[in-house]
Amino acid sequence: MTLSVTTVAGLCVVIGIGVGGAFAQSASAGQAPAFSPAVERAAILKVMTAAADWQLEHPSTRAPYDWTQAAFYTGMMAFAGVTDNPKYFNAMKAMGERNQWRPGLRPGHADDYAVVATYAQIYQREKDKAMLAPGLALFNFLASRKYDEPLVWGGAIETRELAWCDALFMGPPALAAVSAATGDKKYLELANKLWWKTTDYLYDKDERLYYRDSRYFDQREKTGQKVFWSRGHGWVTAGLARLLQDMPADYPERGRYVTLFKEMADKVRIVQGQDGYWRSSLLDAESLPNPETSGTGFFVYSLAWGINNGLLDRATYEPSVRKGWEAMVRAMHPDGMLGWVQEIGAAPGSANFASTEVYGVGALLLAGSEVQKLAK
């Protein structure tokens, strides 16, 4: 990757030329970066605060229980746990009250019950049973189902099974969070059952990466590489970290999850770009050379979480975390907006410095919550 700087219409434009393409990022001419990429707690919290405040001031128009929002809420709860400012927890509690603590409208669709994880975290502080009642009603229903369908994509299978890799961030962590909040292991048992059914189907053991869904088994990039989507695999690694976080240390299956986490972490480290970003197509940086921050944020979170919890060797993985966090900070606008977020999709796609989405901010907040621990 090489960099050149030029001035166009009063803007300082930094052009990054990589294999197969170029990208541009703009800032006011002569203006110093608004945020420091230093892995220091104060600098990290400044970035997180700016991103959280910008998103709260520019709320998403999607349904308040939507998966995009749920990913943001997850990041906000992580931020609330590392800041002394009660504003962010209070914002999440107010969200739950507006939602009347209800999940979405499709009972079998993991996208619509991802939000329950945040309700469970708020319940653990407040101990108000009303916060969990709708989620428990749904999860008790889900626990009664058989889950015996094949996961081949089509026929609205996503409304009944976890047939796409994104669902491993949405579904099992929410079930595990409720299990941790209530002490009832049946929700964790369901999470375990669903996790491994999807993993056995979508995980490529040779590549140590997840396909997004069965449509991608035989697809190839122009270079001949298999199609593995950065954010899609990021959903999985972040979902696995969240699931492990709420899983008892003596859970019989825990060792199997740890082995999987380590396998994936090693591959994630290997495919990171030299500039710190993970490209949208993980095995083909040439096809979409632009930076992408939602996948990058989830990978930074996962690797940092693994270091902080003793699963990953710090000397091996911390350089990747630092490069990734510095890349995330470079994608920040001076007003706190996070750029280079790929829009909603199901496959590798383009992004630019002006593109943002609420789930990208959630990924940044998750990442920052773990990176700041490394700074201590």
Protein backbone atom coordinates (compact mmCIF):
# COMPACT_ATOMS: atom_id res chain seq x y z
CA MET A 1 0.00 0.00 0.00
CA THR A 2 1.42 3.42 -0.96
CA LEU A 3 0.08 6.85 -0.07
CA SER A 4 0.04 10.13 -1.93
CA VAL A 5 -1.39 13.47 -0.84
CA THR A 6 -2.93 16.16 -3.01
CA THR A 7 -5.20 19.17 -2.50
CA VAL A 8 -8.50 19.41 -4.34
CA ALA A 9 -10.97 22.27 -3.78
CA GLY A 10 -9.54 23.06 -0.37
CA LEU A 11 -9.52 19.46 0.81
CA CYS A 12 -6.52 17.38 1.68
CA VAL A 13 -7.15 14.07 -0.09
CA VAL A 14 -5.15 11.01 0.89
CA ILE A 15 -5.11 8.39 -1.82
CA GLY A 16 -4.20 4.82 -0.92
CA ILE A 17 -3.10 2.72 -3.86
CA GLY A 18 -3.34 -1.00 -3.23
CA VAL A 19 -3.26 -4.06 -5.41
CA GLY A 20 -6.16 -3.79 -7.79
CA GLY A 21 -7.56 -0.37 -6.82
CA ALA A 22 -7.47 2.92 -4.94
CA PHE A 23 -9.43 4.74 -2.30
CA ALA A 24 -9.70 8.30 -1.07
CA GLN A 25 -10.25 9.81 2.36
CA SER A 26 -10.75 13.52 2.94
CA ALA A 27 -10.16 15.94 5.78
CA SER A 28 -9.99 19.71 6.00
CA ALA A 29 -6.77 21.06 4.54
CA GLY A 30 -4.08 21.49 7.17
CA GLN A 31 -6.29 20.04 9.89
CA ALA A 32 -4.74 17.62 12.37
CA PRO A 33 -6.55 14.30 12.88
CA ALA A 34 -9.45 14.68 15.29
CA PHE A 35 -8.68 11.45 17.12
CA SER A 36 -5.51 9.77 18.25
CA PRO A 37 -5.00 6.12 17.25
CA ALA A 38 -2.88 5.56 20.35
CA VAL A 39 -3.68 2.47 22.35
CA GLU A 40 -4.12 4.54 25.49
CA ARG A 41 -7.30 4.47 27.57
CA ALA A 42 -8.09 8.19 27.34
CA ALA A 43 -7.60 8.25 23.57
CA ILE A 44 -9.71 5.13 23.08
CA LEU A 45 -12.56 6.42 25.24
CA LYS A 46 -12.52 9.70 23.30
CA VAL A 47 -13.04 7.78 20.06
CA MET A 48 -15.79 5.64 21.57
CA THR A 49 -17.57 8.62 23.09
CA ALA A 50 -17.53 10.53 19.81
CA ALA A 51 -18.85 7.54 17.86
CA ALA A 52 -21.58 6.77 20.39
CA ASP A 53 -22.67 10.39 20.63
CA TRP A 54 -22.78 10.79 16.85
CA GLN A 55 -24.96 7.71 16.48
CA LEU A 56 -27.32 8.76 19.27
CA GLU A 57 -27.68 12.14 17.59
CA HIS A 58 -28.25 10.52 14.19
CA PRO A 59 -30.52 7.57 15.05
CA SER A 60 -31.19 4.83 12.56
CA THR A 61 -34.61 4.85 10.92
CA ARG A 62 -34.88 1.07 11.06
CA ALA A 63 -37.17 -0.68 13.54
CA PRO A 64 -35.89 -0.34 17.12
CA TYR A 65 -35.68 -4.12 17.54
CA ASP A 66 -33.96 -4.66 14.17
CA TRP A 67 -30.70 -6.63 13.97
CA THR A 68 -28.82 -3.54 12.82
CA GLN A 69 -29.92 -1.74 15.95
CA ALA A 70 -29.27 -4.78 18.14
CA ALA A 71 -25.61 -4.81 17.05
CA PHE A 72 -25.33 -1.15 18.02
CA TYR A 73 -26.99 -1.80 21.37
CA THR A 74 -24.49 -4.58 22.05
CA GLY A 75 -21.65 -2.16 21.45
CA MET A 76 -23.33 0.51 23.58
CA MET A 77 -23.67 -1.89 26.50
CA ALA A 78 -19.98 -2.73 26.19
CA PHE A 79 -19.20 1.00 26.21
CA ALA A 80 -21.48 1.55 29.20
CA GLY A 81 -19.38 -0.99 31.05
CA VAL A 82 -16.11 0.93 30.62
CA THR A 83 -17.21 4.56 30.96
CA ASP A 84 -18.16 6.42 34.12
CA ASN A 85 -20.83 8.39 32.26
CA PRO A 86 -24.31 6.89 32.93
CA LYS A 87 -25.68 8.50 29.75
CA TYR A 88 -25.09 5.42 27.61
CA PHE A 89 -26.63 2.85 29.91
CA ASN A 90 -29.58 5.18 30.44
CA ALA A 91 -30.00 5.47 26.67
CA MET A 92 -30.23 1.69 26.40
CA LYS A 93 -32.68 1.42 29.29
CA ALA A 94 -34.85 4.10 27.67
CA MET A 95 -34.71 2.14 24.41
CA GLY A 96 -35.94 -1.00 26.18
CA GLU A 97 -38.77 0.90 27.81
CA ARG A 98 -39.86 2.34 24.45
CA ASN A 99 -39.77 -1.17 22.99
CA GLN A 100 -41.71 -2.48 26.00
CA TRP A 101 -38.88 -5.06 26.19
CA ARG A 102 -40.24 -6.90 23.19
CA PRO A 103 -38.27 -8.68 20.46
CA GLY A 104 -39.15 -8.29 16.80
CA LEU A 105 -42.18 -9.59 14.98
CA ARG A 106 -40.77 -12.82 13.46
CA PRO A 107 -40.53 -15.34 16.32
CA GLY A 108 -38.17 -17.79 14.60
CA HIS A 109 -35.88 -15.24 12.99
CA ALA A 110 -32.65 -14.65 14.91
CA ASP A 111 -32.42 -11.10 13.54
CA ASP A 112 -35.55 -10.26 15.50
CA TYR A 113 -34.47 -11.64 18.86
CA ALA A 114 -30.86 -10.41 18.91
CA VAL A 115 -32.11 -7.40 20.89
CA VAL A 116 -33.02 -9.65 23.82
CA ALA A 117 -29.32 -9.88 24.71
CA THR A 118 -29.34 -6.20 25.60
CA TYR A 119 -32.53 -6.57 27.62
CA ALA A 120 -30.84 -9.38 29.56
CA GLN A 121 -27.81 -7.21 30.33
CA ILE A 122 -30.02 -4.39 31.55
CA TYR A 123 -32.00 -6.87 33.66
CA GLN A 124 -28.80 -8.00 35.36
CA ARG A 125 -28.37 -4.45 36.66
CA GLU A 126 -31.99 -3.57 37.36
CA LYS A 127 -33.52 -6.95 38.35
CA ASP A 128 -36.91 -5.96 36.95
CA LYS A 129 -38.62 -9.13 35.71
CA ALA A 130 -40.72 -7.16 33.25
CA MET A 131 -37.54 -6.54 31.24
CA LEU A 132 -37.18 -10.25 30.47
CA ALA A 133 -40.78 -11.42 30.30
CA PRO A 134 -41.35 -11.03 26.53
CA GLY A 135 -37.94 -12.49 25.72
CA LEU A 136 -38.49 -15.47 28.01
CA ALA A 137 -41.87 -16.14 26.43
CA LEU A 138 -40.24 -16.23 23.00
CA PHE A 139 -37.24 -18.31 24.08
CA ASN A 140 -39.47 -20.85 25.83
CA PHE A 141 -41.33 -21.23 22.56
CA LEU A 142 -38.07 -21.58 20.61
CA ALA A 143 -36.85 -24.23 23.06
CA SER A 144 -39.89 -26.36 22.20
CA ARG A 145 -39.07 -26.56 18.49
CA LYS A 146 -37.28 -29.48 16.80
CA TYR A 147 -34.80 -27.76 14.45
CA ASP A 148 -34.67 -30.73 12.12
CA GLU A 149 -34.73 -28.99 8.73
CA PRO A 150 -31.79 -28.92 6.30
CA LEU A 151 -30.06 -25.53 6.14
CA VAL A 152 -30.06 -25.18 2.35
CA TRP A 153 -30.92 -21.56 1.58
CA GLY A 154 -34.44 -20.99 0.27
CA GLY A 155 -38.05 -21.34 1.31
CA ALA A 156 -37.62 -18.72 4.04
CA ILE A 157 -35.45 -21.15 6.01
CA GLU A 158 -34.02 -18.17 7.91
CA THR A 159 -37.34 -17.77 9.72
CA ARG A 160 -36.98 -21.25 11.22
CA GLU A 161 -33.29 -22.15 11.40
CA LEU A 162 -29.92 -20.40 11.72
CA ALA A 163 -29.09 -21.00 8.08
CA TRP A 164 -26.77 -18.00 7.59
CA CYS A 165 -23.59 -17.16 9.44
CA ASP A 166 -24.74 -13.71 10.63
CA ALA A 167 -27.29 -15.50 12.81
CA LEU A 168 -24.49 -16.78 15.04
CA PHE A 169 -24.06 -13.22 16.31
CA MET A 170 -27.80 -12.64 16.60
CA GLY A 171 -29.17 -15.84 18.14
CA PRO A 172 -26.88 -17.94 20.39
CA PRO A 173 -25.38 -14.96 22.29
CA ALA A 174 -28.88 -13.71 23.12
CA LEU A 175 -29.86 -17.15 24.40
CA ALA A 176 -26.65 -17.38 26.44
CA ALA A 177 -27.19 -13.89 27.87
CA VAL A 178 -30.65 -14.89 29.08
CA SER A 179 -29.23 -18.09 30.53
CA ALA A 180 -26.63 -16.05 32.44
CA ALA A 181 -29.28 -13.62 33.63
CA THR A 182 -31.75 -16.25 34.82
CA GLY A 183 -29.51 -19.18 35.73
CA ASP A 184 -31.65 -21.43 33.50
CA LYS A 185 -29.32 -23.61 31.43
CA LYS A 186 -31.95 -24.63 28.88
CA TYR A 187 -31.37 -21.43 26.92
CA LEU A 188 -27.63 -22.10 26.74
CA GLU A 189 -28.38 -25.68 25.70
CA LEU A 190 -30.48 -24.37 22.82
CA ALA A 191 -27.72 -21.93 21.87
CA ASN A 192 -25.25 -24.82 21.84
CA LYS A 193 -27.51 -26.97 19.67
CA LEU A 194 -28.08 -24.21 17.14
CA TRP A 195 -24.44 -23.08 17.07
CA TRP A 196 -23.06 -26.46 16.11
CA LYS A 197 -25.77 -27.29 13.60
CA THR A 198 -24.94 -24.10 11.70
CA THR A 199 -21.19 -24.53 12.17
CA ASP A 200 -21.21 -28.11 10.90
CA TYR A 201 -22.90 -26.82 7.75
CA LEU A 202 -21.23 -23.48 7.01
CA TYR A 203 -17.70 -23.77 8.43
CA ASP A 204 -14.98 -24.57 5.91
CA LYS A 205 -12.46 -26.52 8.00
CA ASP A 206 -9.73 -26.14 5.40
CA GLU A 207 -10.03 -22.36 5.17
CA ARG A 208 -11.11 -21.90 8.83
CA LEU A 209 -13.77 -19.46 7.64
CA TYR A 210 -17.58 -19.48 7.47
CA TYR A 211 -19.58 -19.22 4.28
CA ARG A 212 -22.39 -16.72 4.53
CA ASP A 213 -24.95 -19.37 3.51
CA SER A 214 -25.22 -22.34 1.17
CA ARG A 215 -25.45 -20.15 -1.95
CA TYR A 216 -21.75 -19.39 -1.59
CA PHE A 217 -20.40 -22.94 -1.42
CA ASP A 218 -19.57 -23.04 -5.11
CA GLN A 219 -19.14 -19.34 -5.85
CA ARG A 220 -15.68 -18.00 -6.66
CA GLU A 221 -14.10 -14.58 -7.02
CA LYS A 222 -12.60 -13.63 -10.39
CA THR A 223 -9.23 -14.76 -9.05
CA GLY A 224 -10.67 -18.19 -8.34
CA GLN A 225 -10.71 -17.72 -4.58
CA LYS A 226 -13.64 -18.89 -2.48
CA VAL A 227 -16.05 -16.16 -1.41
CA PHE A 228 -15.76 -15.41 2.30
CA TRP A 229 -17.36 -12.17 3.42
CA SER A 230 -15.49 -10.13 6.01
CA ARG A 231 -18.49 -8.89 8.00
CA GLY A 232 -20.17 -12.28 7.73
CA HIS A 233 -17.20 -14.03 9.30
CA GLY A 234 -16.86 -11.10 11.72
CA TRP A 235 -20.39 -11.75 12.94
CA VAL A 236 -19.27 -15.27 13.81
CA THR A 237 -16.02 -14.43 15.61
CA ALA A 238 -17.72 -11.67 17.61
CA GLY A 239 -20.70 -13.91 18.32
CA LEU A 240 -18.39 -16.65 19.57
CA ALA A 241 -16.60 -14.24 21.92
CA ARG A 242 -19.95 -13.05 23.29
CA LEU A 243 -21.18 -16.63 23.71
CA LEU A 244 -18.01 -17.64 25.57
CA GLN A 245 -18.33 -14.56 27.77
CA ASP A 246 -21.65 -15.83 29.14
CA MET A 247 -20.75 -19.51 29.15
CA PRO A 248 -19.82 -21.09 32.51
CA ALA A 249 -16.17 -22.12 32.78
CA ASP A 250 -17.22 -25.70 33.49
CA TYR A 251 -19.69 -26.02 30.62
CA PRO A 252 -18.98 -29.43 29.04
CA GLU A 253 -18.78 -28.10 25.48
CA ARG A 254 -16.64 -25.06 26.26
CA GLY A 255 -13.38 -26.63 25.10
CA ARG A 256 -14.85 -27.21 21.66
CA TYR A 257 -15.72 -23.53 21.36
CA VAL A 258 -12.26 -22.48 22.51
CA THR A 259 -10.63 -24.70 19.88
CA LEU A 260 -12.82 -23.18 17.17
CA PHE A 261 -12.07 -19.65 18.39
CA LYS A 262 -8.33 -20.23 18.24
CA GLU A 263 -8.54 -21.78 14.76
CA MET A 264 -10.46 -18.82 13.40
CA ALA A 265 -8.32 -16.23 15.17
CA ASP A 266 -5.18 -17.55 13.53
CA LYS A 267 -6.74 -17.34 10.06
CA VAL A 268 -8.14 -13.87 10.75
CA ARG A 269 -4.69 -12.66 11.76
CA ILE A 270 -3.17 -14.04 8.56
CA VAL A 271 -5.62 -12.37 6.16
CA GLN A 272 -5.44 -8.86 7.69
CA GLY A 273 -4.23 -6.14 5.31
CA GLN A 274 -0.94 -4.38 5.95
CA ASP A 275 -2.85 -1.15 6.61
CA GLY A 276 -4.86 -2.78 9.41
CA TYR A 277 -8.15 -3.25 7.55
CA TRP A 278 -9.65 -6.57 6.58
CA ARG A 279 -10.95 -6.43 3.01
CA SER A 280 -14.57 -7.24 2.34
CA SER A 281 -13.62 -10.42 0.48
CA LEU A 282 -11.23 -12.04 2.92
CA LEU A 283 -9.28 -14.17 0.45
CA ASP A 284 -9.31 -11.72 -2.46
CA ALA A 285 -8.11 -8.25 -1.51
CA GLU A 286 -7.85 -7.30 -5.18
CA SER A 287 -11.56 -7.51 -5.96
CA LEU A 288 -12.61 -4.88 -3.38
CA PRO A 289 -9.46 -3.08 -2.17
CA ASN A 290 -11.32 -0.35 -0.27
CA PRO A 291 -11.19 -0.35 3.55
CA GLU A 292 -14.19 -1.78 5.40
CA THR A 293 -14.81 -1.08 9.06
CA SER A 294 -17.69 -3.30 10.17
CA GLY A 295 -15.77 -6.53 9.59
CA THR A 296 -12.58 -4.88 10.83
CA GLY A 297 -14.28 -3.76 14.04
CA PHE A 298 -15.62 -7.23 14.81
CA PHE A 299 -12.21 -8.80 14.21
CA VAL A 300 -10.43 -6.26 16.41
CA TYR A 301 -12.98 -6.95 19.15
CA SER A 302 -12.64 -10.72 18.85
CA LEU A 303 -8.84 -10.80 18.86
CA ALA A 304 -8.58 -8.32 21.73
CA TRP A 305 -11.19 -10.26 23.69
CA GLY A 306 -9.19 -13.45 23.13
CA ILE A 307 -6.02 -11.81 24.45
CA ASN A 308 -7.79 -10.33 27.46
CA ASN A 309 -9.34 -13.66 28.38
CA GLY A 310 -6.16 -15.69 28.07
CA LEU A 311 -7.12 -17.59 24.92
CA LEU A 312 -4.71 -15.88 22.51
CA ASP A 313 -1.02 -15.16 22.88
CA ARG A 314 -0.56 -11.43 23.39
CA ALA A 315 2.78 -11.20 21.57
CA THR A 316 1.31 -12.90 18.51
CA TYR A 317 -2.04 -11.13 18.28
CA GLU A 318 -1.58 -7.68 19.80
CA PRO A 319 0.12 -6.27 16.67
CA SER A 320 -2.98 -7.21 14.65
CA VAL A 321 -5.26 -5.60 17.24
CA ARG A 322 -3.23 -2.40 17.27
CA LYS A 323 -3.12 -2.15 13.49
CA GLY A 324 -6.84 -2.81 13.31
CA TRP A 325 -7.72 -0.23 15.95
CA GLU A 326 -5.53 2.39 14.28
CA ALA A 327 -7.35 1.63 11.01
CA MET A 328 -10.73 2.10 12.70
CA VAL A 329 -9.64 5.47 14.08
CA ARG A 330 -8.48 6.61 10.63
CA ALA A 331 -12.01 5.93 9.41
CA MET A 332 -13.51 8.39 11.90
CA HIS A 333 -14.84 11.75 10.71
CA PRO A 334 -14.04 14.79 12.88
CA ASP A 335 -17.67 14.90 14.08
CA GLY A 336 -17.57 11.29 15.28
CA MET A 337 -19.15 9.54 12.29
CA LEU A 338 -17.55 6.23 11.39
CA GLY A 339 -16.85 5.84 7.69
CA TRP A 340 -15.95 2.97 5.35
CA VAL A 341 -18.88 0.82 6.57
CA GLN A 342 -20.25 -1.54 3.94
CA GLU A 343 -23.99 -1.18 3.54
CA ILE A 344 -26.47 -3.91 4.43
CA GLY A 345 -25.86 -6.98 2.31
CA ALA A 346 -25.00 -10.66 2.25
CA ALA A 347 -21.73 -10.71 0.32
CA PRO A 348 -18.49 -8.75 -0.10
CA GLY A 349 -19.22 -5.19 -1.21
CA SER A 350 -17.75 -1.75 -1.60
CA ALA A 351 -17.65 1.08 0.93
CA ASN A 352 -16.34 4.63 1.06
CA PHE A 353 -15.33 7.23 3.61
CA ALA A 354 -18.87 8.67 3.61
CA SER A 355 -20.68 5.33 4.12
CA THR A 356 -21.82 4.44 7.62
CA GLU A 357 -24.29 2.12 9.33
CA VAL A 358 -25.38 1.71 12.92
CA TYR A 359 -23.96 -1.82 13.22
CA GLY A 360 -20.53 -0.49 12.22
CA VAL A 361 -20.62 1.79 15.25
CA GLY A 362 -21.59 -1.19 17.38
CA ALA A 363 -18.52 -3.04 16.09
CA LEU A 364 -16.28 -0.06 16.91
CA LEU A 365 -17.66 0.18 20.45
CA LEU A 366 -17.16 -3.53 21.03
CA ALA A 367 -13.61 -3.25 19.72
CA GLY A 368 -12.81 -0.23 21.85
CA SER A 369 -14.18 -1.86 24.98
CA GLU A 370 -11.58 -4.62 24.68
CA VAL A 371 -8.69 -2.61 23.24
CA GLN A 372 -8.81 -0.20 26.19
CA LYS A 373 -8.19 -3.17 28.47
CA LEU A 374 -4.95 -3.83 26.62
CA ALA A 375 -3.91 -0.26 27.32
CA LYS A 376 -4.04 -0.73 31.08
